[in-house]
Amino acid sequence: MLVLCTGFGPFGSIDVNPSWRAVQLLAERHIEGINLEIEELPVDYTAAPEIVRSLWKRFKPDLCIHVGVAACHDFIALERIGNNEGYGRQDVRGQCPEKHCCVPGGKE
């Protein structure tokens, strides 16, 4: 089984993003029957989705795990749905999505 796992790169005052470190630690474990591919994504609202699409095409994974950080949590949480709104923080290029959402007009 091929599993693609991504974490995010540095941003703001964070030199090593905890999501990327968690992915690296996962890669150190060798799980029988799992071919794990890991990638670090930039904290960039424009580039990250394009990179993810290219990774899906290149690897054709059986499972994708995209790891992120939520400052409001002090625990690991598995998101069951994605959020379209609430993206008001600037990325590494100092940009913010229009209307603070991933897909303008998309469902929340």
PDB file of N, CA and C in Angstrom:
ATOM      1  N   MET A   1       0.855  -1.171   0.000  1.00  0.00           N
ATOM      2  CA  MET A   1       0.000   0.000   0.000  1.00  0.00           C
ATOM      3  C   MET A   1       0.900   1.234   0.000  1.00  0.00           C
ATOM      4  N   LEU A   2       0.609   2.169  -0.885  1.00  0.00           N
ATOM      5  CA  LEU A   2       1.374   3.398  -0.951  1.00  0.00           C
ATOM      6  C   LEU A   2       0.623   4.501  -0.206  1.00  0.00           C
ATOM      7  N   VAL A   3       1.312   5.096   0.765  1.00  0.00           N
ATOM      8  CA  VAL A   3       0.731   6.160   1.584  1.00  0.00           C
ATOM      9  C   VAL A   3       1.553   7.428   1.373  1.00  0.00           C
ATOM     10  N   LEU A   4       0.872   8.498   1.040  1.00  0.00           N
ATOM     11  CA  LEU A   4       1.502   9.809   0.917  1.00  0.00           C
ATOM     12  C   LEU A   4       1.173  10.609   2.167  1.00  0.00           C
ATOM     13  N   CYS A   5       2.194  11.137   2.807  1.00  0.00           N
ATOM     14  CA  CYS A   5       1.999  11.900   4.035  1.00  0.00           C
ATOM     15  C   CYS A   5       2.736  13.227   3.894  1.00  0.00           C
ATOM     16  N   THR A   6       2.022  14.320   4.118  1.00  0.00           N
ATOM     17  CA  THR A   6       2.632  15.634   4.005  1.00  0.00           C
ATOM     18  C   THR A   6       2.567  16.379   5.327  1.00  0.00           C
ATOM     19  N   GLY A   7       3.526  17.251   5.511  1.00  0.00           N
ATOM     20  CA  GLY A   7       3.543  18.186   6.621  1.00  0.00           C
ATOM     21  C   GLY A   7       3.919  19.543   6.055  1.00  0.00           C
ATOM     22  N   PHE A   8       3.831  20.559   6.867  1.00  0.00           N
ATOM     23  CA  PHE A   8       4.111  21.910   6.391  1.00  0.00           C
ATOM     24  C   PHE A   8       5.492  22.394   6.826  1.00  0.00           C
ATOM     25  N   GLY A   9       6.022  23.295   6.046  1.00  0.00           N
ATOM     26  CA  GLY A   9       7.323  23.894   6.317  1.00  0.00           C
ATOM     27  C   GLY A   9       7.228  25.050   7.288  1.00  0.00           C
ATOM     28  N   PRO A  10       8.338  25.755   7.443  1.00  0.00           N
ATOM     29  CA  PRO A  10       8.396  26.866   8.387  1.00  0.00           C
ATOM     30  C   PRO A  10       7.471  28.015   7.998  1.00  0.00           C
ATOM     31  N   PHE A  11       7.081  28.777   8.996  1.00  0.00           N
ATOM     32  CA  PHE A  11       6.315  30.005   8.755  1.00  0.00           C
ATOM     33  C   PHE A  11       6.414  30.881   9.986  1.00  0.00           C
ATOM     34  N   GLY A  12       6.337  32.172   9.756  1.00  0.00           N
ATOM     35  CA  GLY A  12       6.430  33.103  10.877  1.00  0.00           C
ATOM     36  C   GLY A  12       7.694  32.866  11.676  1.00  0.00           C
ATOM     37  N   SER A  13       7.548  32.763  12.969  1.00  0.00           N
ATOM     38  CA  SER A  13       8.697  32.544  13.851  1.00  0.00           C
ATOM     39  C   SER A  13       8.992  31.063  14.071  1.00  0.00           C
ATOM     40  N   ILE A  14       8.260  30.195  13.378  1.00  0.00           N
ATOM     41  CA  ILE A  14       8.439  28.745  13.552  1.00  0.00           C
ATOM     42  C   ILE A  14       9.422  28.234  12.506  1.00  0.00           C
ATOM     43  N   ASP A  15      10.626  27.862  12.967  1.00  0.00           N
ATOM     44  CA  ASP A  15      11.665  27.377  12.057  1.00  0.00           C
ATOM     45  C   ASP A  15      11.416  25.950  11.594  1.00  0.00           C
ATOM     46  N   VAL A  16      10.920  25.114  12.496  1.00  0.00           N
ATOM     47  CA  VAL A  16      10.596  23.731  12.152  1.00  0.00           C
ATOM     48  C   VAL A  16       9.132  23.513  12.522  1.00  0.00           C
ATOM     49  N   ASN A  17       8.314  23.322  11.512  1.00  0.00           N
ATOM     50  CA  ASN A  17       6.882  23.141  11.740  1.00  0.00           C
ATOM     51  C   ASN A  17       6.655  21.783  12.406  1.00  0.00           C
ATOM     52  N   PRO A  18       5.919  21.743  13.516  1.00  0.00           N
ATOM     53  CA  PRO A  18       5.660  20.474  14.194  1.00  0.00           C
ATOM     54  C   PRO A  18       4.985  19.436  13.299  1.00  0.00           C
ATOM     55  N   SER A  19       4.199  19.886  12.331  1.00  0.00           N
ATOM     56  CA  SER A  19       3.547  18.916  11.439  1.00  0.00           C
ATOM     57  C   SER A  19       4.582  18.187  10.594  1.00  0.00           C
ATOM     58  N   TRP A  20       5.604  18.901  10.121  1.00  0.00           N
ATOM     59  CA  TRP A  20       6.653  18.269   9.329  1.00  0.00           C
ATOM     60  C   TRP A  20       7.492  17.347  10.199  1.00  0.00           C
ATOM     61  N   ARG A  21       7.779  17.753  11.417  1.00  0.00           N
ATOM     62  CA  ARG A  21       8.557  16.898  12.321  1.00  0.00           C
ATOM     63  C   ARG A  21       7.800  15.603  12.614  1.00  0.00           C
ATOM     64  N   ALA A  22       6.484  15.694  12.797  1.00  0.00           N
ATOM     65  CA  ALA A  22       5.679  14.491  13.044  1.00  0.00           C
ATOM     66  C   ALA A  22       5.739  13.545  11.845  1.00  0.00           C
ATOM     67  N   VAL A  23       5.678  14.099  10.650  1.00  0.00           N
ATOM     68  CA  VAL A  23       5.756  13.278   9.431  1.00  0.00           C
ATOM     69  C   VAL A  23       7.129  12.613   9.327  1.00  0.00           C
ATOM     70  N   GLN A  24       8.185  13.360   9.634  1.00  0.00           N
ATOM     71  CA  GLN A  24       9.528  12.787   9.607  1.00  0.00           C
ATOM     72  C   GLN A  24       9.660  11.642  10.606  1.00  0.00           C
ATOM     73  N   LEU A  25       9.092  11.824  11.796  1.00  0.00           N
ATOM     74  CA  LEU A  25       9.152  10.756  12.803  1.00  0.00           C
ATOM     75  C   LEU A  25       8.384   9.524  12.343  1.00  0.00           C
ATOM     76  N   LEU A  26       7.251   9.740  11.693  1.00  0.00           N
ATOM     77  CA  LEU A  26       6.487   8.613  11.152  1.00  0.00           C
ATOM     78  C   LEU A  26       7.320   7.851  10.126  1.00  0.00           C
ATOM     79  N   ALA A  27       8.055   8.581   9.303  1.00  0.00           N
ATOM     80  CA  ALA A  27       8.877   7.948   8.265  1.00  0.00           C
ATOM     81  C   ALA A  27      10.008   7.111   8.855  1.00  0.00           C
ATOM     82  N   GLU A  28      10.423   7.412  10.067  1.00  0.00           N
ATOM     83  CA  GLU A  28      11.481   6.631  10.721  1.00  0.00           C
ATOM     84  C   GLU A  28      10.994   5.253  11.143  1.00  0.00           C
ATOM     85  N   ARG A  29       9.695   5.115  11.258  1.00  0.00           N
ATOM     86  CA  ARG A  29       9.108   3.813  11.600  1.00  0.00           C
ATOM     87  C   ARG A  29       8.913   3.032  10.306  1.00  0.00           C
ATOM     88  N   HIS A  30       9.285   1.816  10.309  1.00  0.00           N
ATOM     89  CA  HIS A  30       9.113   0.998   9.114  1.00  0.00           C
ATOM     90  C   HIS A  30       7.944   0.057   9.367  1.00  0.00           C
ATOM     91  N   ILE A  31       6.853   0.331   8.672  1.00  0.00           N
ATOM     92  CA  ILE A  31       5.625  -0.431   8.869  1.00  0.00           C
ATOM     93  C   ILE A  31       5.494  -1.410   7.721  1.00  0.00           C
ATOM     94  N   GLU A  32       5.451  -2.682   8.062  1.00  0.00           N
ATOM     95  CA  GLU A  32       5.386  -3.736   7.056  1.00  0.00           C
ATOM     96  C   GLU A  32       4.183  -3.539   6.140  1.00  0.00           C
ATOM     97  N   GLY A  33       4.431  -3.636   4.846  1.00  0.00           N
ATOM     98  CA  GLY A  33       3.367  -3.525   3.861  1.00  0.00           C
ATOM     99  C   GLY A  33       3.020  -2.096   3.456  1.00  0.00           C
ATOM    100  N   ILE A  34       3.713  -1.120   4.071  1.00  0.00           N
ATOM    101  CA  ILE A  34       3.437   0.287   3.767  1.00  0.00           C
ATOM    102  C   ILE A  34       4.649   0.904   3.080  1.00  0.00           C
ATOM    103  N   ASN A  35       4.422   1.449   1.906  1.00  0.00           N
ATOM    104  CA  ASN A  35       5.433   2.240   1.217  1.00  0.00           C
ATOM    105  C   ASN A  35       5.051   3.692   1.483  1.00  0.00           C
ATOM    106  N   LEU A  36       5.811   4.365   2.341  1.00  0.00           N
ATOM    107  CA  LEU A  36       5.480   5.710   2.772  1.00  0.00           C
ATOM    108  C   LEU A  36       6.307   6.738   2.009  1.00  0.00           C
ATOM    109  N   GLU A  37       5.629   7.655   1.387  1.00  0.00           N
ATOM    110  CA  GLU A  37       6.266   8.792   0.721  1.00  0.00           C
ATOM    111  C   GLU A  37       5.915  10.030   1.524  1.00  0.00           C
ATOM    112  N   ILE A  38       6.926  10.824   1.875  1.00  0.00           N
ATOM    113  CA  ILE A  38       6.666  12.035   2.649  1.00  0.00           C
ATOM    114  C   ILE A  38       7.119  13.257   1.847  1.00  0.00           C
ATOM    115  N   GLU A  39       6.404  14.337   2.060  1.00  0.00           N
ATOM    116  CA  GLU A  39       6.723  15.598   1.388  1.00  0.00           C
ATOM    117  C   GLU A  39       6.429  16.757   2.327  1.00  0.00           C
ATOM    118  N   GLU A  40       7.303  17.749   2.291  1.00  0.00           N
ATOM    119  CA  GLU A  40       7.088  18.973   3.045  1.00  0.00           C
ATOM    120  C   GLU A  40       6.453  20.003   2.109  1.00  0.00           C
ATOM    121  N   LEU A  41       5.352  20.568   2.539  1.00  0.00           N
ATOM    122  CA  LEU A  41       4.637  21.573   1.753  1.00  0.00           C
ATOM    123  C   LEU A  41       4.946  22.972   2.284  1.00  0.00           C
ATOM    124  N   PRO A  42       5.060  23.935   1.384  1.00  0.00           N
ATOM    125  CA  PRO A  42       5.236  25.299   1.867  1.00  0.00           C
ATOM    126  C   PRO A  42       3.923  25.834   2.439  1.00  0.00           C
ATOM    127  N   VAL A  43       4.026  26.699   3.427  1.00  0.00           N
ATOM    128  CA  VAL A  43       2.842  27.367   3.966  1.00  0.00           C
ATOM    129  C   VAL A  43       2.531  28.513   2.999  1.00  0.00           C
ATOM    130  N   ASP A  44       1.940  28.119   1.873  1.00  0.00           N
ATOM    131  CA  ASP A  44       1.688  29.033   0.762  1.00  0.00           C
ATOM    132  C   ASP A  44       0.332  28.672   0.174  1.00  0.00           C
ATOM    133  N   TYR A  45      -0.626  29.595   0.304  1.00  0.00           N
ATOM    134  CA  TYR A  45      -1.999  29.317  -0.123  1.00  0.00           C
ATOM    135  C   TYR A  45      -2.112  29.002  -1.606  1.00  0.00           C
ATOM    136  N   THR A  46      -1.204  29.502  -2.423  1.00  0.00           N
ATOM    137  CA  THR A  46      -1.257  29.244  -3.856  1.00  0.00           C
ATOM    138  C   THR A  46      -0.494  27.979  -4.226  1.00  0.00           C
ATOM    139  N   ALA A  47       0.726  27.862  -3.735  1.00  0.00           N
ATOM    140  CA  ALA A  47       1.580  26.751  -4.133  1.00  0.00           C
ATOM    141  C   ALA A  47       1.157  25.400  -3.542  1.00  0.00           C
ATOM    142  N   ALA A  48       0.756  25.370  -2.268  1.00  0.00           N
ATOM    143  CA  ALA A  48       0.465  24.096  -1.601  1.00  0.00           C
ATOM    144  C   ALA A  48      -0.597  23.266  -2.333  1.00  0.00           C
ATOM    145  N   PRO A  49      -1.740  23.827  -2.718  1.00  0.00           N
ATOM    146  CA  PRO A  49      -2.735  22.997  -3.427  1.00  0.00           C
ATOM    147  C   PRO A  49      -2.214  22.457  -4.762  1.00  0.00           C
ATOM    148  N   GLU A  50      -1.425  23.266  -5.467  1.00  0.00           N
ATOM    149  CA  GLU A  50      -0.860  22.814  -6.737  1.00  0.00           C
ATOM    150  C   GLU A  50       0.123  21.676  -6.513  1.00  0.00           C
ATOM    151  N   ILE A  51       0.945  21.790  -5.483  1.00  0.00           N
ATOM    152  CA  ILE A  51       1.915  20.737  -5.169  1.00  0.00           C
ATOM    153  C   ILE A  51       1.194  19.462  -4.775  1.00  0.00           C
ATOM    154  N   VAL A  52       0.153  19.578  -3.948  1.00  0.00           N
ATOM    155  CA  VAL A  52      -0.605  18.389  -3.531  1.00  0.00           C
ATOM    156  C   VAL A  52      -1.195  17.677  -4.751  1.00  0.00           C
ATOM    157  N   ARG A  53      -1.790  18.434  -5.664  1.00  0.00           N
ATOM    158  CA  ARG A  53      -2.343  17.808  -6.871  1.00  0.00           C
ATOM    159  C   ARG A  53      -1.259  17.086  -7.663  1.00  0.00           C
ATOM    160  N   SER A  54      -0.085  17.683  -7.776  1.00  0.00           N
ATOM    161  CA  SER A  54       1.001  17.038  -8.524  1.00  0.00           C
ATOM    162  C   SER A  54       1.499  15.788  -7.796  1.00  0.00           C
ATOM    163  N   LEU A  55       1.507  15.814  -6.466  1.00  0.00           N
ATOM    164  CA  LEU A  55       1.915  14.624  -5.700  1.00  0.00           C
ATOM    165  C   LEU A  55       0.919  13.487  -5.889  1.00  0.00           C
ATOM    166  N   TRP A  56      -0.376  13.810  -5.887  1.00  0.00           N
ATOM    167  CA  TRP A  56      -1.399  12.781  -6.109  1.00  0.00           C
ATOM    168  C   TRP A  56      -1.203  12.147  -7.484  1.00  0.00           C
ATOM    169  N   LYS A  57      -0.925  12.960  -8.490  1.00  0.00           N
ATOM    170  CA  LYS A  57      -0.721  12.433  -9.847  1.00  0.00           C
ATOM    171  C   LYS A  57       0.548  11.592  -9.936  1.00  0.00           C
ATOM    172  N   ARG A  58       1.613  12.072  -9.308  1.00  0.00           N
ATOM    173  CA  ARG A  58       2.900  11.371  -9.384  1.00  0.00           C
ATOM    174  C   ARG A  58       2.870  10.043  -8.641  1.00  0.00           C
ATOM    175  N   PHE A  59       2.348  10.034  -7.412  1.00  0.00           N
ATOM    176  CA  PHE A  59       2.403   8.827  -6.589  1.00  0.00           C
ATOM    177  C   PHE A  59       1.184   7.922  -6.722  1.00  0.00           C
ATOM    178  N   LYS A  60       0.036   8.487  -7.081  1.00  0.00           N
ATOM    179  CA  LYS A  60      -1.214   7.719  -7.125  1.00  0.00           C
ATOM    180  C   LYS A  60      -1.381   6.893  -5.836  1.00  0.00           C
ATOM    181  N   PRO A  61      -1.378   7.577  -4.690  1.00  0.00           N
ATOM    182  CA  PRO A  61      -1.402   6.872  -3.404  1.00  0.00           C
ATOM    183  C   PRO A  61      -2.728   6.176  -3.128  1.00  0.00           C
ATOM    184  N   ASP A  62      -2.632   5.134  -2.320  1.00  0.00           N
ATOM    185  CA  ASP A  62      -3.833   4.458  -1.829  1.00  0.00           C
ATOM    186  C   ASP A  62      -4.458   5.258  -0.678  1.00  0.00           C
ATOM    187  N   LEU A  63      -3.618   6.011   0.030  1.00  0.00           N
ATOM    188  CA  LEU A  63      -4.068   6.807   1.167  1.00  0.00           C
ATOM    189  C   LEU A  63      -3.217   8.066   1.251  1.00  0.00           C
ATOM    190  N   CYS A  64      -3.859   9.190   1.520  1.00  0.00           N
ATOM    191  CA  CYS A  64      -3.150  10.459   1.741  1.00  0.00           C
ATOM    192  C   CYS A  64      -3.436  10.930   3.156  1.00  0.00           C
ATOM    193  N   ILE A  65      -2.390  11.337   3.848  1.00  0.00           N
ATOM    194  CA  ILE A  65      -2.524  11.918   5.171  1.00  0.00           C
ATOM    195  C   ILE A  65      -1.828  13.270   5.122  1.00  0.00           C
ATOM    196  N   HIS A  66      -2.601  14.329   5.259  1.00  0.00           N
ATOM    197  CA  HIS A  66      -2.050  15.673   5.239  1.00  0.00           C
ATOM    198  C   HIS A  66      -2.075  16.205   6.666  1.00  0.00           C
ATOM    199  N   VAL A  67      -0.898  16.392   7.242  1.00  0.00           N
ATOM    200  CA  VAL A  67      -0.764  16.762   8.646  1.00  0.00           C
ATOM    201  C   VAL A  67      -0.570  18.275   8.759  1.00  0.00           C
ATOM    202  N   GLY A  68      -1.287  18.885   9.682  1.00  0.00           N
ATOM    203  CA  GLY A  68      -1.165  20.318   9.925  1.00  0.00           C
ATOM    204  C   GLY A  68      -1.143  20.602  11.406  1.00  0.00           C
ATOM    205  N   VAL A  69      -1.079  21.860  11.720  1.00  0.00           N
ATOM    206  CA  VAL A  69      -1.043  22.305  13.114  1.00  0.00           C
ATOM    207  C   VAL A  69      -2.246  23.204  13.373  1.00  0.00           C
ATOM    208  N   ALA A  70      -2.887  22.986  14.490  1.00  0.00           N
ATOM    209  CA  ALA A  70      -3.976  23.864  14.927  1.00  0.00           C
ATOM    210  C   ALA A  70      -3.570  24.416  16.296  1.00  0.00           C
ATOM    211  N   ALA A  71      -3.289  25.698  16.324  1.00  0.00           N
ATOM    212  CA  ALA A  71      -2.819  26.313  17.566  1.00  0.00           C
ATOM    213  C   ALA A  71      -3.826  26.199  18.698  1.00  0.00           C
ATOM    214  N   CYS A  72      -5.090  25.990  18.347  1.00  0.00           N
ATOM    215  CA  CYS A  72      -6.119  25.897  19.386  1.00  0.00           C
ATOM    216  C   CYS A  72      -6.171  24.518  20.041  1.00  0.00           C
ATOM    217  N   HIS A  73      -5.402  23.552  19.536  1.00  0.00           N
ATOM    218  CA  HIS A  73      -5.401  22.205  20.101  1.00  0.00           C
ATOM    219  C   HIS A  73      -4.084  21.920  20.820  1.00  0.00           C
ATOM    220  N   ASP A  74      -4.170  21.197  21.907  1.00  0.00           N
ATOM    221  CA  ASP A  74      -2.957  20.706  22.553  1.00  0.00           C
ATOM    222  C   ASP A  74      -2.953  19.177  22.498  1.00  0.00           C
ATOM    223  N   PHE A  75      -3.609  18.648  21.467  1.00  0.00           N
ATOM    224  CA  PHE A  75      -3.715  17.212  21.267  1.00  0.00           C
ATOM    225  C   PHE A  75      -3.789  16.929  19.768  1.00  0.00           C
ATOM    226  N   ILE A  76      -3.658  15.676  19.402  1.00  0.00           N
ATOM    227  CA  ILE A  76      -3.781  15.270  18.007  1.00  0.00           C
ATOM    228  C   ILE A  76      -5.261  15.096  17.687  1.00  0.00           C
ATOM    229  N   ALA A  77      -5.692  15.712  16.606  1.00  0.00           N
ATOM    230  CA  ALA A  77      -7.095  15.616  16.193  1.00  0.00           C
ATOM    231  C   ALA A  77      -7.144  15.194  14.728  1.00  0.00           C
ATOM    232  N   LEU A  78      -7.983  14.248  14.429  1.00  0.00           N
ATOM    233  CA  LEU A  78      -8.184  13.809  13.061  1.00  0.00           C
ATOM    234  C   LEU A  78      -9.389  14.547  12.496  1.00  0.00           C
ATOM    235  N   GLU A  79      -9.139  15.377  11.490  1.00  0.00           N
ATOM    236  CA  GLU A  79     -10.240  16.104  10.867  1.00  0.00           C
ATOM    237  C   GLU A  79     -10.998  15.173   9.933  1.00  0.00           C
ATOM    238  N   ARG A  80     -12.299  15.218  10.040  1.00  0.00           N
ATOM    239  CA  ARG A  80     -13.134  14.385   9.176  1.00  0.00           C
ATOM    240  C   ARG A  80     -13.659  15.165   7.990  1.00  0.00           C
ATOM    241  N   ILE A  81     -13.587  16.485   8.091  1.00  0.00           N
ATOM    242  CA  ILE A  81     -14.008  17.360   6.992  1.00  0.00           C
ATOM    243  C   ILE A  81     -13.014  18.506   6.897  1.00  0.00           C
ATOM    244  N   GLY A  82     -12.925  19.101   5.721  1.00  0.00           N
ATOM    245  CA  GLY A  82     -12.074  20.263   5.548  1.00  0.00           C
ATOM    246  C   GLY A  82     -12.873  21.535   5.759  1.00  0.00           C
ATOM    247  N   ASN A  83     -12.203  22.562   6.166  1.00  0.00           N
ATOM    248  CA  ASN A  83     -12.844  23.859   6.333  1.00  0.00           C
ATOM    249  C   ASN A  83     -12.490  24.745   5.149  1.00  0.00           C
ATOM    250  N   ASN A  84     -13.469  25.435   4.622  1.00  0.00           N
ATOM    251  CA  ASN A  84     -13.244  26.334   3.511  1.00  0.00           C
ATOM    252  C   ASN A  84     -12.983  27.759   3.989  1.00  0.00           C
ATOM    253  N   GLU A  85     -13.514  28.113   5.133  1.00  0.00           N
ATOM    254  CA  GLU A  85     -13.406  29.485   5.632  1.00  0.00           C
ATOM    255  C   GLU A  85     -12.465  29.571   6.823  1.00  0.00           C
ATOM    256  N   GLY A  86     -12.089  30.800   7.152  1.00  0.00           N
ATOM    257  CA  GLY A  86     -11.282  31.015   8.345  1.00  0.00           C
ATOM    258  C   GLY A  86      -9.794  31.132   8.087  1.00  0.00           C
ATOM    259  N   TYR A  87      -9.389  31.352   6.843  1.00  0.00           N
ATOM    260  CA  TYR A  87      -7.972  31.438   6.510  1.00  0.00           C
ATOM    261  C   TYR A  87      -7.536  32.899   6.464  1.00  0.00           C
ATOM    262  N   GLY A  88      -7.402  33.499   7.641  1.00  0.00           N
ATOM    263  CA  GLY A  88      -7.090  34.908   7.750  1.00  0.00           C
ATOM    264  C   GLY A  88      -5.627  35.212   8.028  1.00  0.00           C
ATOM    265  N   ARG A  89      -4.839  34.185   8.307  1.00  0.00           N
ATOM    266  CA  ARG A  89      -3.410  34.405   8.571  1.00  0.00           C
ATOM    267  C   ARG A  89      -2.639  34.451   7.269  1.00  0.00           C
ATOM    268  N   GLN A  90      -1.611  35.258   7.252  1.00  0.00           N
ATOM    269  CA  GLN A  90      -0.783  35.360   6.062  1.00  0.00           C
ATOM    270  C   GLN A  90       0.112  34.141   5.915  1.00  0.00           C
ATOM    271  N   ASP A  91       0.368  33.768   4.648  1.00  0.00           N
ATOM    272  CA  ASP A  91       1.280  32.660   4.377  1.00  0.00           C
ATOM    273  C   ASP A  91       2.716  33.184   4.328  1.00  0.00           C
ATOM    274  N   VAL A  92       3.660  32.356   3.900  1.00  0.00           N
ATOM    275  CA  VAL A  92       5.071  32.748   3.887  1.00  0.00           C
ATOM    276  C   VAL A  92       5.357  33.863   2.888  1.00  0.00           C
ATOM    277  N   ARG A  93       4.463  34.094   1.950  1.00  0.00           N
ATOM    278  CA  ARG A  93       4.619  35.187   0.987  1.00  0.00           C
ATOM    279  C   ARG A  93       3.881  36.449   1.436  1.00  0.00           C
ATOM    280  N   GLY A  94       3.265  36.381   2.635  1.00  0.00           N
ATOM    281  CA  GLY A  94       2.522  37.528   3.135  1.00  0.00           C
ATOM    282  C   GLY A  94       1.152  37.663   2.501  1.00  0.00           C
ATOM    283  N   GLN A  95       0.683  36.582   1.900  1.00  0.00           N
ATOM    284  CA  GLN A  95      -0.604  36.595   1.208  1.00  0.00           C
ATOM    285  C   GLN A  95      -1.684  35.916   2.049  1.00  0.00           C
ATOM    286  N   CYS A  96      -2.908  36.292   1.765  1.00  0.00           N
ATOM    287  CA  CYS A  96      -4.077  35.715   2.417  1.00  0.00           C
ATOM    288  C   CYS A  96      -5.109  35.434   1.328  1.00  0.00           C
ATOM    289  N   PRO A  97      -5.826  34.319   1.406  1.00  0.00           N
ATOM    290  CA  PRO A  97      -6.823  34.049   0.366  1.00  0.00           C
ATOM    291  C   PRO A  97      -7.916  35.105   0.332  1.00  0.00           C
ATOM    292  N   GLU A  98      -8.411  35.349  -0.876  1.00  0.00           N
ATOM    293  CA  GLU A  98      -9.518  36.278  -1.040  1.00  0.00           C
ATOM    294  C   GLU A  98     -10.686  35.828  -0.178  1.00  0.00           C
ATOM    295  N   LYS A  99     -11.276  36.727   0.541  1.00  0.00           N
ATOM    296  CA  LYS A  99     -12.421  36.470   1.429  1.00  0.00           C
ATOM    297  C   LYS A  99     -12.090  35.420   2.494  1.00  0.00           C
ATOM    298  N   HIS A 100     -10.804  35.159   2.724  1.00  0.00           N
ATOM    299  CA  HIS A 100     -10.330  34.241   3.769  1.00  0.00           C
ATOM    300  C   HIS A 100     -10.890  32.824   3.606  1.00  0.00           C
ATOM    301  N   CYS A 101     -11.086  32.391   2.365  1.00  0.00           N
ATOM    302  CA  CYS A 101     -11.546  31.026   2.148  1.00  0.00           C
ATOM    303  C   CYS A 101     -10.717  30.372   1.043  1.00  0.00           C
ATOM    304  N   CYS A 102     -10.675  29.047   1.065  1.00  0.00           N
ATOM    305  CA  CYS A 102      -9.890  28.296   0.088  1.00  0.00           C
ATOM    306  C   CYS A 102     -10.508  28.353  -1.302  1.00  0.00           C
ATOM    307  N   VAL A 103     -11.802  28.141  -1.362  1.00  0.00           N
ATOM    308  CA  VAL A 103     -12.521  28.114  -2.645  1.00  0.00           C
ATOM    309  C   VAL A 103     -13.639  29.146  -2.561  1.00  0.00           C
ATOM    310  N   PRO A 104     -13.448  30.323  -3.180  1.00  0.00           N
ATOM    311  CA  PRO A 104     -14.509  31.333  -3.132  1.00  0.00           C
ATOM    312  C   PRO A 104     -15.835  30.759  -3.637  1.00  0.00           C
ATOM    313  N   GLY A 105     -16.870  30.922  -2.827  1.00  0.00           N
ATOM    314  CA  GLY A 105     -18.179  30.391  -3.194  1.00  0.00           C
ATOM    315  C   GLY A 105     -18.360  28.926  -2.863  1.00  0.00           C
ATOM    316  N   GLY A 106     -17.299  28.281  -2.345  1.00  0.00           N
ATOM    317  CA  GLY A 106     -17.390  26.860  -2.003  1.00  0.00           C
ATOM    318  C   GLY A 106     -18.126  26.635  -0.701  1.00  0.00           C
ATOM    319  N   LYS A 107     -18.496  25.390  -0.474  1.00  0.00           N
ATOM    320  CA  LYS A 107     -19.205  25.033   0.766  1.00  0.00           C
ATOM    321  C   LYS A 107     -18.287  25.115   1.961  1.00  0.00           C
ATOM    322  N   GLU A 108     -18.854  25.434   3.088  1.00  0.00           N
ATOM    323  CA  GLU A 108     -18.092  25.434   4.335  1.00  0.00           C
ATOM    324  C   GLU A 108     -18.054  24.007   4.814  1.00  0.00           C
TER     325      GLU A 108
END
